[in-house]
Amino acid sequence: MSDRVRRGFGWMVAIAALAVIVVGLWPEAATADPDARQQQLSQRIACPWCQGQSLAESDSEVAQDLVVILREKIDAGWSDDEIYDYFASSYGDQVLLDPPLTGWGVVLWSLPVLALVGGGWAIWTRQRGAA
């Protein structure tokens, strides 16, 4: 395989990895169906008393009560951000399974991008050194 083909393949892999990361981080469109929206939100909010389970996964009475509160907020016309803010202010940021883009949340969300950039830089410098 020639150097030119290897370089082209390396760039294709880097672009494909970037596309996967962007698609994975792309926000989902809000749904108008209240049942689907409740399911979607309950999968992104953790039960404060359960070990690492979302409201949708937990069978505890506390989680079921919080799902009822969640449904009341949806029926009252609250936006997703307002609901997240309500639960975060009541139970802390750790109740959000998608960390906010502040403090450690920025670090967590930026790690895949930094890994991709670092990997691309390593490939690029290695290929330059071989040439």
C-alpha atoms as a PDB file:
ATOM      1  CA  MET A   1       0.000   0.000   0.000  1.00  0.00           C
ATOM      2  CA  SER A   2       1.464   3.352  -0.979  1.00  0.00           C
ATOM      3  CA  ASP A   3       1.985   6.216   1.476  1.00  0.00           C
ATOM      4  CA  ARG A   4      -0.580   8.297  -0.354  1.00  0.00           C
ATOM      5  CA  VAL A   5      -3.251   5.611   0.073  1.00  0.00           C
ATOM      6  CA  ARG A   6      -2.384   5.176   3.768  1.00  0.00           C
ATOM      7  CA  ARG A   7      -2.657   8.935   4.383  1.00  0.00           C
ATOM      8  CA  GLY A   8      -6.001   9.041   2.601  1.00  0.00           C
ATOM      9  CA  PHE A   9      -7.244   6.084   4.631  1.00  0.00           C
ATOM     10  CA  GLY A  10      -6.119   7.747   7.868  1.00  0.00           C
ATOM     11  CA  TRP A  11      -8.050  10.893   7.026  1.00  0.00           C
ATOM     12  CA  MET A  12     -11.150   8.874   6.126  1.00  0.00           C
ATOM     13  CA  VAL A  13     -10.994   7.102   9.495  1.00  0.00           C
ATOM     14  CA  ALA A  14     -10.590  10.442  11.308  1.00  0.00           C
ATOM     15  CA  ILE A  15     -13.542  11.977   9.438  1.00  0.00           C
ATOM     16  CA  ALA A  16     -15.713   8.920  10.112  1.00  0.00           C
ATOM     17  CA  ALA A  17     -14.851   9.056  13.828  1.00  0.00           C
ATOM     18  CA  LEU A  18     -15.698  12.758  13.939  1.00  0.00           C
ATOM     19  CA  ALA A  19     -19.035  12.080  12.225  1.00  0.00           C
ATOM     20  CA  VAL A  20     -19.884   9.385  14.795  1.00  0.00           C
ATOM     21  CA  ILE A  21     -19.096  11.758  17.672  1.00  0.00           C
ATOM     22  CA  VAL A  22     -21.122  14.628  16.178  1.00  0.00           C
ATOM     23  CA  VAL A  23     -24.139  12.395  15.540  1.00  0.00           C
ATOM     24  CA  GLY A  24     -23.882  10.978  19.060  1.00  0.00           C
ATOM     25  CA  LEU A  25     -23.829  14.429  20.649  1.00  0.00           C
ATOM     26  CA  TRP A  26     -26.522  15.934  18.401  1.00  0.00           C
ATOM     27  CA  PRO A  27     -29.574  16.926  20.468  1.00  0.00           C
ATOM     28  CA  GLU A  28     -32.712  14.953  19.759  1.00  0.00           C
ATOM     29  CA  ALA A  29     -35.772  16.728  18.469  1.00  0.00           C
ATOM     30  CA  ALA A  30     -38.473  17.313  21.051  1.00  0.00           C
ATOM     31  CA  THR A  31     -41.560  15.222  20.561  1.00  0.00           C
ATOM     32  CA  ALA A  32     -45.114  16.529  20.842  1.00  0.00           C
ATOM     33  CA  ASP A  33     -46.551  13.228  22.152  1.00  0.00           C
ATOM     34  CA  PRO A  34     -46.761  13.559  25.972  1.00  0.00           C
ATOM     35  CA  ASP A  35     -46.311   9.805  26.566  1.00  0.00           C
ATOM     36  CA  ALA A  36     -43.224   9.619  24.354  1.00  0.00           C
ATOM     37  CA  ARG A  37     -41.859  12.796  25.931  1.00  0.00           C
ATOM     38  CA  GLN A  38     -42.420  11.388  29.435  1.00  0.00           C
ATOM     39  CA  GLN A  39     -40.583   8.211  28.463  1.00  0.00           C
ATOM     40  CA  GLN A  40     -37.732  10.194  26.908  1.00  0.00           C
ATOM     41  CA  LEU A  41     -37.332  12.483  29.922  1.00  0.00           C
ATOM     42  CA  SER A  42     -37.668   9.679  32.478  1.00  0.00           C
ATOM     43  CA  GLN A  43     -34.746   7.914  30.785  1.00  0.00           C
ATOM     44  CA  ARG A  44     -32.564  11.014  31.255  1.00  0.00           C
ATOM     45  CA  ILE A  45     -33.409  11.688  34.900  1.00  0.00           C
ATOM     46  CA  ALA A  46     -31.945   9.414  37.563  1.00  0.00           C
ATOM     47  CA  CYS A  47     -33.836   8.189  40.575  1.00  0.00           C
ATOM     48  CA  PRO A  48     -32.197  10.031  43.500  1.00  0.00           C
ATOM     49  CA  TRP A  49     -32.450   6.980  45.798  1.00  0.00           C
ATOM     50  CA  CYS A  50     -31.678   4.188  43.332  1.00  0.00           C
ATOM     51  CA  GLN A  51     -28.176   3.092  42.367  1.00  0.00           C
ATOM     52  CA  GLY A  52     -27.576   4.438  38.852  1.00  0.00           C
ATOM     53  CA  GLN A  53     -31.086   3.792  37.550  1.00  0.00           C
ATOM     54  CA  SER A  54     -33.185   6.212  35.593  1.00  0.00           C
ATOM     55  CA  LEU A  55     -36.780   6.912  36.553  1.00  0.00           C
ATOM     56  CA  ALA A  56     -37.863   4.697  33.651  1.00  0.00           C
ATOM     57  CA  GLU A  57     -35.745   1.752  34.880  1.00  0.00           C
ATOM     58  CA  SER A  58     -36.530   1.941  38.575  1.00  0.00           C
ATOM     59  CA  ASP A  59     -39.443   0.132  40.196  1.00  0.00           C
ATOM     60  CA  SER A  60     -39.194   2.021  43.499  1.00  0.00           C
ATOM     61  CA  GLU A  61     -42.115   4.009  44.850  1.00  0.00           C
ATOM     62  CA  VAL A  62     -39.970   7.134  44.918  1.00  0.00           C
ATOM     63  CA  ALA A  63     -39.254   6.822  41.197  1.00  0.00           C
ATOM     64  CA  GLN A  64     -42.926   6.227  40.450  1.00  0.00           C
ATOM     65  CA  ASP A  65     -43.839   9.342  42.447  1.00  0.00           C
ATOM     66  CA  LEU A  66     -41.259  11.370  40.531  1.00  0.00           C
ATOM     67  CA  VAL A  67     -42.652  10.092  37.225  1.00  0.00           C
ATOM     68  CA  VAL A  68     -46.075  11.393  38.332  1.00  0.00           C
ATOM     69  CA  ILE A  69     -44.491  14.795  39.078  1.00  0.00           C
ATOM     70  CA  LEU A  70     -42.720  14.652  35.713  1.00  0.00           C
ATOM     71  CA  ARG A  71     -46.034  13.995  33.946  1.00  0.00           C
ATOM     72  CA  GLU A  72     -47.673  16.904  35.792  1.00  0.00           C
ATOM     73  CA  LYS A  73     -44.914  19.222  34.567  1.00  0.00           C
ATOM     74  CA  ILE A  74     -45.339  17.958  30.986  1.00  0.00           C
ATOM     75  CA  ASP A  75     -49.111  18.429  31.131  1.00  0.00           C
ATOM     76  CA  ALA A  76     -48.616  21.937  32.554  1.00  0.00           C
ATOM     77  CA  GLY A  77     -46.595  22.855  29.442  1.00  0.00           C
ATOM     78  CA  TRP A  78     -43.123  22.992  30.981  1.00  0.00           C
ATOM     79  CA  SER A  79     -40.200  22.772  28.548  1.00  0.00           C
ATOM     80  CA  ASP A  80     -37.561  20.056  28.845  1.00  0.00           C
ATOM     81  CA  ASP A  81     -35.053  22.579  30.212  1.00  0.00           C
ATOM     82  CA  GLU A  82     -37.531  23.766  32.855  1.00  0.00           C
ATOM     83  CA  ILE A  83     -38.137  20.173  33.921  1.00  0.00           C
ATOM     84  CA  TYR A  84     -34.404  19.418  34.083  1.00  0.00           C
ATOM     85  CA  ASP A  85     -33.853  22.615  36.105  1.00  0.00           C
ATOM     86  CA  TYR A  86     -36.662  21.642  38.501  1.00  0.00           C
ATOM     87  CA  PHE A  87     -35.221  18.201  39.176  1.00  0.00           C
ATOM     88  CA  ALA A  88     -31.645  19.504  39.398  1.00  0.00           C
ATOM     89  CA  SER A  89     -32.637  22.221  41.867  1.00  0.00           C
ATOM     90  CA  SER A  90     -34.623  19.718  43.952  1.00  0.00           C
ATOM     91  CA  TYR A  91     -32.153  16.811  43.946  1.00  0.00           C
ATOM     92  CA  GLY A  92     -28.849  18.186  42.640  1.00  0.00           C
ATOM     93  CA  ASP A  93     -27.127  17.960  39.244  1.00  0.00           C
ATOM     94  CA  GLN A  94     -26.294  14.282  39.814  1.00  0.00           C
ATOM     95  CA  VAL A  95     -29.953  13.468  39.086  1.00  0.00           C
ATOM     96  CA  LEU A  96     -29.391  14.439  35.437  1.00  0.00           C
ATOM     97  CA  LEU A  97     -27.995  11.516  33.461  1.00  0.00           C
ATOM     98  CA  ASP A  98     -26.787  13.935  30.756  1.00  0.00           C
ATOM     99  CA  PRO A  99     -24.392  16.222  32.624  1.00  0.00           C
ATOM    100  CA  PRO A 100     -24.870  19.953  32.010  1.00  0.00           C
ATOM    101  CA  LEU A 101     -22.237  21.873  30.053  1.00  0.00           C
ATOM    102  CA  THR A 102     -20.811  23.574  33.137  1.00  0.00           C
ATOM    103  CA  GLY A 103     -17.954  22.599  35.416  1.00  0.00           C
ATOM    104  CA  TRP A 104     -17.185  18.893  35.147  1.00  0.00           C
ATOM    105  CA  GLY A 105     -19.907  18.505  32.518  1.00  0.00           C
ATOM    106  CA  VAL A 106     -17.744  20.439  30.056  1.00  0.00           C
ATOM    107  CA  VAL A 107     -14.840  18.103  30.759  1.00  0.00           C
ATOM    108  CA  LEU A 108     -16.998  14.991  30.318  1.00  0.00           C
ATOM    109  CA  TRP A 109     -18.515  16.177  27.038  1.00  0.00           C
ATOM    110  CA  SER A 110     -15.182  17.375  25.630  1.00  0.00           C
ATOM    111  CA  LEU A 111     -13.199  14.167  26.303  1.00  0.00           C
ATOM    112  CA  PRO A 112     -14.326  12.384  23.091  1.00  0.00           C
ATOM    113  CA  VAL A 113     -13.499  15.446  20.996  1.00  0.00           C
ATOM    114  CA  LEU A 114     -10.095  15.825  22.664  1.00  0.00           C
ATOM    115  CA  ALA A 115      -9.392  12.117  22.107  1.00  0.00           C
ATOM    116  CA  LEU A 116     -10.269  12.475  18.419  1.00  0.00           C
ATOM    117  CA  VAL A 117      -8.093  15.564  17.989  1.00  0.00           C
ATOM    118  CA  GLY A 118      -5.208  13.917  19.857  1.00  0.00           C
ATOM    119  CA  GLY A 119      -5.514  10.768  17.760  1.00  0.00           C
ATOM    120  CA  GLY A 120      -5.625  12.789  14.535  1.00  0.00           C
ATOM    121  CA  TRP A 121      -2.579  14.758  15.610  1.00  0.00           C
ATOM    122  CA  ALA A 122      -0.707  11.528  16.469  1.00  0.00           C
ATOM    123  CA  ILE A 123      -1.553  10.011  13.073  1.00  0.00           C
ATOM    124  CA  TRP A 124      -0.555  13.192  11.271  1.00  0.00           C
ATOM    125  CA  THR A 125       2.805  13.540  13.052  1.00  0.00           C
ATOM    126  CA  ARG A 126       3.576   9.850  12.573  1.00  0.00           C
ATOM    127  CA  GLN A 127       2.856  10.055   8.865  1.00  0.00           C
ATOM    128  CA  ARG A 128       4.972  13.215   8.518  1.00  0.00           C
ATOM    129  CA  GLY A 129       7.837  11.489  10.327  1.00  0.00           C
ATOM    130  CA  ALA A 130       7.631   8.462   8.025  1.00  0.00           C
ATOM    131  CA  ALA A 131       7.727  10.603   4.890  1.00  0.00           C
END
